[in-house]
Amino acid sequence: MPPLPAGLSEWFAPGVYVGVVVLLFGALNKRIDDLRDDLKASEARQREEMRELRSDLKALGGKVDRLVETLAAKAP
């Protein structure tokens, strides 16, 4: 196999370095996108749980009000 031309060998190593950096950057960017999607899903779940907790709290507040009224009516 003949040796590489002088100009090509000078550009080969930097080209490999740039290629590796581009691949690493692409993998990192993909991971960041995955984390962003996970974060959005987590926030959506938390919003739904907060809605449920607020409705439970309102129902509990009504029960406490009725209990206090009942106890106040029975008090001498």
PDB file of N, CA and C in Angstrom:
ATOM      1  N   MET A   1       0.853  -1.167   0.000  1.00  0.00           N
ATOM      2  CA  MET A   1       0.000   0.000   0.000  1.00  0.00           C
ATOM      3  C   MET A   1       0.899   1.230   0.000  1.00  0.00           C
ATOM      4  N   PRO A   2       0.636   2.173  -0.875  1.00  0.00           N
ATOM      5  CA  PRO A   2       1.490   3.358  -0.936  1.00  0.00           C
ATOM      6  C   PRO A   2       1.232   4.271   0.256  1.00  0.00           C
ATOM      7  N   PRO A   3       2.231   5.023   0.661  1.00  0.00           N
ATOM      8  CA  PRO A   3       2.043   5.948   1.792  1.00  0.00           C
ATOM      9  C   PRO A   3       1.064   7.062   1.416  1.00  0.00           C
ATOM     10  N   LEU A   4       0.452   7.638   2.437  1.00  0.00           N
ATOM     11  CA  LEU A   4      -0.505   8.726   2.220  1.00  0.00           C
ATOM     12  C   LEU A   4       0.234   9.972   1.748  1.00  0.00           C
ATOM     13  N   PRO A   5      -0.369  10.768   0.922  1.00  0.00           N
ATOM     14  CA  PRO A   5       0.257  12.031   0.527  1.00  0.00           C
ATOM     15  C   PRO A   5       0.479  12.926   1.745  1.00  0.00           C
ATOM     16  N   ALA A   6       1.477  13.775   1.681  1.00  0.00           N
ATOM     17  CA  ALA A   6       1.859  14.624   2.818  1.00  0.00           C
ATOM     18  C   ALA A   6       0.700  15.508   3.269  1.00  0.00           C
ATOM     19  N   GLY A   7      -0.015  16.089   2.366  1.00  0.00           N
ATOM     20  CA  GLY A   7      -1.124  16.972   2.733  1.00  0.00           C
ATOM     21  C   GLY A   7      -2.247  16.233   3.430  1.00  0.00           C
ATOM     22  N   LEU A   8      -2.496  15.017   3.009  1.00  0.00           N
ATOM     23  CA  LEU A   8      -3.579  14.235   3.609  1.00  0.00           C
ATOM     24  C   LEU A   8      -3.240  13.820   5.036  1.00  0.00           C
ATOM     25  N   SER A   9      -2.000  13.438   5.260  1.00  0.00           N
ATOM     26  CA  SER A   9      -1.621  13.009   6.611  1.00  0.00           C
ATOM     27  C   SER A   9      -1.643  14.172   7.589  1.00  0.00           C
ATOM     28  N   GLU A  10      -1.430  15.389   7.123  1.00  0.00           N
ATOM     29  CA  GLU A  10      -1.489  16.554   8.009  1.00  0.00           C
ATOM     30  C   GLU A  10      -2.926  16.853   8.437  1.00  0.00           C
ATOM     31  N   TRP A  11      -3.883  16.541   7.599  1.00  0.00           N
ATOM     32  CA  TRP A  11      -5.275  16.826   7.892  1.00  0.00           C
ATOM     33  C   TRP A  11      -6.011  15.643   8.513  1.00  0.00           C
ATOM     34  N   PHE A  12      -5.409  14.488   8.499  1.00  0.00           N
ATOM     35  CA  PHE A  12      -6.100  13.287   8.974  1.00  0.00           C
ATOM     36  C   PHE A  12      -6.376  13.340  10.480  1.00  0.00           C
ATOM     37  N   ALA A  13      -5.351  13.602  11.289  1.00  0.00           N
ATOM     38  CA  ALA A  13      -5.524  13.609  12.748  1.00  0.00           C
ATOM     39  C   ALA A  13      -6.530  14.672  13.195  1.00  0.00           C
ATOM     40  N   PRO A  14      -6.418  15.923  12.747  1.00  0.00           N
ATOM     41  CA  PRO A  14      -7.430  16.904  13.163  1.00  0.00           C
ATOM     42  C   PRO A  14      -8.839  16.527  12.693  1.00  0.00           C
ATOM     43  N   GLY A  15      -8.927  15.902  11.537  1.00  0.00           N
ATOM     44  CA  GLY A  15     -10.237  15.465  11.050  1.00  0.00           C
ATOM     45  C   GLY A  15     -10.844  14.411  11.952  1.00  0.00           C
ATOM     46  N   VAL A  16     -10.011  13.496  12.431  1.00  0.00           N
ATOM     47  CA  VAL A  16     -10.488  12.466  13.360  1.00  0.00           C
ATOM     48  C   VAL A  16     -10.929  13.112  14.663  1.00  0.00           C
ATOM     49  N   TYR A  17     -10.150  14.072  15.162  1.00  0.00           N
ATOM     50  CA  TYR A  17     -10.509  14.753  16.405  1.00  0.00           C
ATOM     51  C   TYR A  17     -11.850  15.476  16.264  1.00  0.00           C
ATOM     52  N   VAL A  18     -12.025  16.164  15.169  1.00  0.00           N
ATOM     53  CA  VAL A  18     -13.283  16.876  14.944  1.00  0.00           C
ATOM     54  C   VAL A  18     -14.440  15.879  14.844  1.00  0.00           C
ATOM     55  N   GLY A  19     -14.221  14.774  14.172  1.00  0.00           N
ATOM     56  CA  GLY A  19     -15.263  13.755  14.061  1.00  0.00           C
ATOM     57  C   GLY A  19     -15.670  13.195  15.413  1.00  0.00           C
ATOM     58  N   VAL A  20     -14.687  12.935  16.268  1.00  0.00           N
ATOM     59  CA  VAL A  20     -14.976  12.413  17.610  1.00  0.00           C
ATOM     60  C   VAL A  20     -15.739  13.448  18.423  1.00  0.00           C
ATOM     61  N   VAL A  21     -15.317  14.700  18.338  1.00  0.00           N
ATOM     62  CA  VAL A  21     -16.004  15.759  19.079  1.00  0.00           C
ATOM     63  C   VAL A  21     -17.448  15.900  18.595  1.00  0.00           C
ATOM     64  N   VAL A  22     -17.662  15.822  17.302  1.00  0.00           N
ATOM     65  CA  VAL A  22     -19.019  15.920  16.757  1.00  0.00           C
ATOM     66  C   VAL A  22     -19.877  14.758  17.247  1.00  0.00           C
ATOM     67  N   LEU A  23     -19.327  13.559  17.267  1.00  0.00           N
ATOM     68  CA  LEU A  23     -20.080  12.402  17.765  1.00  0.00           C
ATOM     69  C   LEU A  23     -20.410  12.550  19.248  1.00  0.00           C
ATOM     70  N   LEU A  24     -19.445  13.006  20.036  1.00  0.00           N
ATOM     71  CA  LEU A  24     -19.691  13.201  21.462  1.00  0.00           C
ATOM     72  C   LEU A  24     -20.736  14.291  21.692  1.00  0.00           C
ATOM     73  N   PHE A  25     -20.638  15.365  20.929  1.00  0.00           N
ATOM     74  CA  PHE A  25     -21.609  16.442  21.057  1.00  0.00           C
ATOM     75  C   PHE A  25     -23.010  15.959  20.686  1.00  0.00           C
ATOM     76  N   GLY A  26     -23.109  15.161  19.660  1.00  0.00           N
ATOM     77  CA  GLY A  26     -24.406  14.614  19.259  1.00  0.00           C
ATOM     78  C   GLY A  26     -24.995  13.713  20.333  1.00  0.00           C
ATOM     79  N   ALA A  27     -24.154  12.870  20.935  1.00  0.00           N
ATOM     80  CA  ALA A  27     -24.632  11.990  22.003  1.00  0.00           C
ATOM     81  C   ALA A  27     -25.065  12.800  23.218  1.00  0.00           C
ATOM     82  N   LEU A  28     -24.298  13.828  23.544  1.00  0.00           N
ATOM     83  CA  LEU A  28     -24.644  14.684  24.672  1.00  0.00           C
ATOM     84  C   LEU A  28     -25.951  15.426  24.403  1.00  0.00           C
ATOM     85  N   ASN A  29     -26.108  15.920  23.201  1.00  0.00           N
ATOM     86  CA  ASN A  29     -27.333  16.625  22.833  1.00  0.00           C
ATOM     87  C   ASN A  29     -28.542  15.694  22.916  1.00  0.00           C
ATOM     88  N   LYS A  30     -28.395  14.459  22.494  1.00  0.00           N
ATOM     89  CA  LYS A  30     -29.475  13.468  22.572  1.00  0.00           C
ATOM     90  C   LYS A  30     -29.852  13.214  24.027  1.00  0.00           C
ATOM     91  N   ARG A  31     -28.846  13.084  24.875  1.00  0.00           N
ATOM     92  CA  ARG A  31     -29.098  12.831  26.295  1.00  0.00           C
ATOM     93  C   ARG A  31     -29.812  14.023  26.938  1.00  0.00           C
ATOM     94  N   ILE A  32     -29.411  15.223  26.571  1.00  0.00           N
ATOM     95  CA  ILE A  32     -30.073  16.416  27.103  1.00  0.00           C
ATOM     96  C   ILE A  32     -31.531  16.452  26.661  1.00  0.00           C
ATOM     97  N   ASP A  33     -31.797  16.109  25.413  1.00  0.00           N
ATOM     98  CA  ASP A  33     -33.179  16.063  24.929  1.00  0.00           C
ATOM     99  C   ASP A  33     -33.996  15.022  25.692  1.00  0.00           C
ATOM    100  N   ASP A  34     -33.397  13.861  25.965  1.00  0.00           N
ATOM    101  CA  ASP A  34     -34.095  12.824  26.734  1.00  0.00           C
ATOM    102  C   ASP A  34     -34.411  13.314  28.144  1.00  0.00           C
ATOM    103  N   LEU A  35     -33.444  13.979  28.768  1.00  0.00           N
ATOM    104  CA  LEU A  35     -33.670  14.502  30.115  1.00  0.00           C
ATOM    105  C   LEU A  35     -34.753  15.577  30.112  1.00  0.00           C
ATOM    106  N   ARG A  36     -34.771  16.398  29.084  1.00  0.00           N
ATOM    107  CA  ARG A  36     -35.797  17.437  28.973  1.00  0.00           C
ATOM    108  C   ARG A  36     -37.181  16.795  28.848  1.00  0.00           C
ATOM    109  N   ASP A  37     -37.289  15.750  28.055  1.00  0.00           N
ATOM    110  CA  ASP A  37     -38.570  15.048  27.915  1.00  0.00           C
ATOM    111  C   ASP A  37     -38.994  14.412  29.234  1.00  0.00           C
ATOM    112  N   ASP A  38     -38.036  13.808  29.946  1.00  0.00           N
ATOM    113  CA  ASP A  38     -38.344  13.218  31.246  1.00  0.00           C
ATOM    114  C   ASP A  38     -38.815  14.281  32.232  1.00  0.00           C
ATOM    115  N   LEU A  39     -38.173  15.434  32.198  1.00  0.00           N
ATOM    116  CA  LEU A  39     -38.548  16.519  33.097  1.00  0.00           C
ATOM    117  C   LEU A  39     -39.960  17.013  32.801  1.00  0.00           C
ATOM    118  N   LYS A  40     -40.295  17.161  31.532  1.00  0.00           N
ATOM    119  CA  LYS A  40     -41.643  17.598  31.164  1.00  0.00           C
ATOM    120  C   LYS A  40     -42.688  16.582  31.616  1.00  0.00           C
ATOM    121  N   ALA A  41     -42.394  15.298  31.459  1.00  0.00           N
ATOM    122  CA  ALA A  41     -43.330  14.259  31.898  1.00  0.00           C
ATOM    123  C   ALA A  41     -43.491  14.288  33.416  1.00  0.00           C
ATOM    124  N   SER A  42     -42.394  14.489  34.126  1.00  0.00           N
ATOM    125  CA  SER A  42     -42.447  14.554  35.582  1.00  0.00           C
ATOM    126  C   SER A  42     -43.270  15.757  36.039  1.00  0.00           C
ATOM    127  N   GLU A  43     -43.077  16.890  35.385  1.00  0.00           N
ATOM    128  CA  GLU A  43     -43.854  18.078  35.743  1.00  0.00           C
ATOM    129  C   GLU A  43     -45.340  17.855  35.487  1.00  0.00           C
ATOM    130  N   ALA A  44     -45.678  17.190  34.410  1.00  0.00           N
ATOM    131  CA  ALA A  44     -47.086  16.908  34.115  1.00  0.00           C
ATOM    132  C   ALA A  44     -47.683  15.997  35.185  1.00  0.00           C
ATOM    133  N   ARG A  45     -46.937  14.981  35.601  1.00  0.00           N
ATOM    134  CA  ARG A  45     -47.420  14.093  36.668  1.00  0.00           C
ATOM    135  C   ARG A  45     -47.608  14.864  37.969  1.00  0.00           C
ATOM    136  N   GLN A  46     -46.664  15.739  38.283  1.00  0.00           N
ATOM    137  CA  GLN A  46     -46.767  16.516  39.518  1.00  0.00           C
ATOM    138  C   GLN A  46     -47.967  17.456  39.487  1.00  0.00           C
ATOM    139  N   ARG A  47     -48.234  18.069  38.333  1.00  0.00           N
ATOM    140  CA  ARG A  47     -49.410  18.942  38.223  1.00  0.00           C
ATOM    141  C   ARG A  47     -50.693  18.148  38.456  1.00  0.00           C
ATOM    142  N   GLU A  48     -50.769  16.952  37.887  1.00  0.00           N
ATOM    143  CA  GLU A  48     -51.957  16.111  38.073  1.00  0.00           C
ATOM    144  C   GLU A  48     -52.104  15.702  39.539  1.00  0.00           C
ATOM    145  N   GLU A  49     -51.008  15.338  40.172  1.00  0.00           N
ATOM    146  CA  GLU A  49     -51.067  14.964  41.585  1.00  0.00           C
ATOM    147  C   GLU A  49     -51.493  16.149  42.447  1.00  0.00           C
ATOM    148  N   MET A  50     -51.016  17.350  42.107  1.00  0.00           N
ATOM    149  CA  MET A  50     -51.421  18.534  42.871  1.00  0.00           C
ATOM    150  C   MET A  50     -52.916  18.797  42.709  1.00  0.00           C
ATOM    151  N   ARG A  51     -53.454  18.599  41.504  1.00  0.00           N
ATOM    152  CA  ARG A  51     -54.901  18.760  41.302  1.00  0.00           C
ATOM    153  C   ARG A  51     -55.673  17.786  42.187  1.00  0.00           C
ATOM    154  N   GLU A  52     -55.210  16.536  42.215  1.00  0.00           N
ATOM    155  CA  GLU A  52     -55.876  15.526  43.041  1.00  0.00           C
ATOM    156  C   GLU A  52     -55.782  15.882  44.519  1.00  0.00           C
ATOM    157  N   LEU A  53     -54.619  16.335  44.961  1.00  0.00           N
ATOM    158  CA  LEU A  53     -54.454  16.692  46.366  1.00  0.00           C
ATOM    159  C   LEU A  53     -55.327  17.888  46.740  1.00  0.00           C
ATOM    160  N   ARG A  54     -55.445  18.853  45.843  1.00  0.00           N
ATOM    161  CA  ARG A  54     -56.299  20.012  46.126  1.00  0.00           C
ATOM    162  C   ARG A  54     -57.763  19.596  46.246  1.00  0.00           C
ATOM    163  N   SER A  55     -58.204  18.707  45.372  1.00  0.00           N
ATOM    164  CA  SER A  55     -59.598  18.261  45.461  1.00  0.00           C
ATOM    165  C   SER A  55     -59.816  17.449  46.742  1.00  0.00           C
ATOM    166  N   ASP A  56     -58.840  16.632  47.117  1.00  0.00           N
ATOM    167  CA  ASP A  56     -58.945  15.885  48.375  1.00  0.00           C
ATOM    168  C   ASP A  56     -58.970  16.833  49.569  1.00  0.00           C
ATOM    169  N   LEU A  57     -58.169  17.882  49.499  1.00  0.00           N
ATOM    170  CA  LEU A  57     -58.118  18.850  50.594  1.00  0.00           C
ATOM    171  C   LEU A  57     -59.440  19.597  50.725  1.00  0.00           C
ATOM    172  N   LYS A  58     -60.064  19.946  49.609  1.00  0.00           N
ATOM    173  CA  LYS A  58     -61.369  20.609  49.661  1.00  0.00           C
ATOM    174  C   LYS A  58     -62.410  19.690  50.280  1.00  0.00           C
ATOM    175  N   ALA A  59     -62.388  18.421  49.899  1.00  0.00           N
ATOM    176  CA  ALA A  59     -63.344  17.458  50.461  1.00  0.00           C
ATOM    177  C   ALA A  59     -63.110  17.291  51.959  1.00  0.00           C
ATOM    178  N   LEU A  60     -61.863  17.237  52.361  1.00  0.00           N
ATOM    179  CA  LEU A  60     -61.539  17.095  53.776  1.00  0.00           C
ATOM    180  C   LEU A  60     -61.957  18.341  54.546  1.00  0.00           C
ATOM    181  N   GLY A  61     -61.772  19.503  53.941  1.00  0.00           N
ATOM    182  CA  GLY A  61     -62.192  20.748  54.596  1.00  0.00           C
ATOM    183  C   GLY A  61     -63.687  20.756  54.860  1.00  0.00           C
ATOM    184  N   GLY A  62     -64.467  20.269  53.912  1.00  0.00           N
ATOM    185  CA  GLY A  62     -65.918  20.183  54.105  1.00  0.00           C
ATOM    186  C   GLY A  62     -66.280  19.238  55.241  1.00  0.00           C
ATOM    187  N   LYS A  63     -65.593  18.129  55.336  1.00  0.00           N
ATOM    188  CA  LYS A  63     -65.855  17.167  56.412  1.00  0.00           C
ATOM    189  C   LYS A  63     -65.498  17.767  57.766  1.00  0.00           C
ATOM    190  N   VAL A  64     -64.390  18.481  57.829  1.00  0.00           N
ATOM    191  CA  VAL A  64     -63.984  19.115  59.088  1.00  0.00           C
ATOM    192  C   VAL A  64     -65.017  20.163  59.493  1.00  0.00           C
ATOM    193  N   ASP A  65     -65.500  20.935  58.533  1.00  0.00           N
ATOM    194  CA  ASP A  65     -66.526  21.940  58.842  1.00  0.00           C
ATOM    195  C   ASP A  65     -67.776  21.285  59.422  1.00  0.00           C
ATOM    196  N   ARG A  66     -68.234  20.205  58.823  1.00  0.00           N
ATOM    197  CA  ARG A  66     -69.416  19.502  59.339  1.00  0.00           C
ATOM    198  C   ARG A  66     -69.153  18.941  60.737  1.00  0.00           C
ATOM    199  N   LEU A  67     -67.952  18.425  60.967  1.00  0.00           N
ATOM    200  CA  LEU A  67     -67.611  17.887  62.286  1.00  0.00           C
ATOM    201  C   LEU A  67     -67.617  18.989  63.332  1.00  0.00           C
ATOM    202  N   VAL A  68     -67.047  20.126  63.009  1.00  0.00           N
ATOM    203  CA  VAL A  68     -67.019  21.245  63.956  1.00  0.00           C
ATOM    204  C   VAL A  68     -68.435  21.731  64.239  1.00  0.00           C
ATOM    205  N   GLU A  69     -69.270  21.819  63.219  1.00  0.00           N
ATOM    206  CA  GLU A  69     -70.659  22.238  63.423  1.00  0.00           C
ATOM    207  C   GLU A  69     -71.396  21.253  64.322  1.00  0.00           C
ATOM    208  N   THR A  70     -71.153  19.960  64.103  1.00  0.00           N
ATOM    209  CA  THR A  70     -71.802  18.931  64.922  1.00  0.00           C
ATOM    210  C   THR A  70     -71.345  19.029  66.371  1.00  0.00           C
ATOM    211  N   LEU A  71     -70.043  19.187  66.564  1.00  0.00           N
ATOM    212  CA  LEU A  71     -69.522  19.294  67.927  1.00  0.00           C
ATOM    213  C   LEU A  71     -69.987  20.584  68.596  1.00  0.00           C
ATOM    214  N   ALA A  72     -70.087  21.660  67.832  1.00  0.00           N
ATOM    215  CA  ALA A  72     -70.554  22.930  68.402  1.00  0.00           C
ATOM    216  C   ALA A  72     -72.024  22.829  68.797  1.00  0.00           C
ATOM    217  N   ALA A  73     -72.809  22.099  68.025  1.00  0.00           N
ATOM    218  CA  ALA A  73     -74.233  21.946  68.340  1.00  0.00           C
ATOM    219  C   ALA A  73     -74.428  21.085  69.583  1.00  0.00           C
ATOM    220  N   LYS A  74     -73.540  20.136  69.832  1.00  0.00           N
ATOM    221  CA  LYS A  74     -73.663  19.246  70.989  1.00  0.00           C
ATOM    222  C   LYS A  74     -73.082  19.865  72.247  1.00  0.00           C
ATOM    223  N   ALA A  75     -72.280  20.903  72.113  1.00  0.00           N
ATOM    224  CA  ALA A  75     -71.630  21.511  73.279  1.00  0.00           C
ATOM    225  C   ALA A  75     -72.678  22.183  74.157  1.00  0.00           C
ATOM    226  N   PRO A  76     -72.511  22.083  75.496  1.00  0.00           N
ATOM    227  CA  PRO A  76     -73.509  22.680  76.402  1.00  0.00           C
ATOM    228  C   PRO A  76     -73.417  24.183  76.463  1.00  0.00           C
TER     229      PRO A  76
END
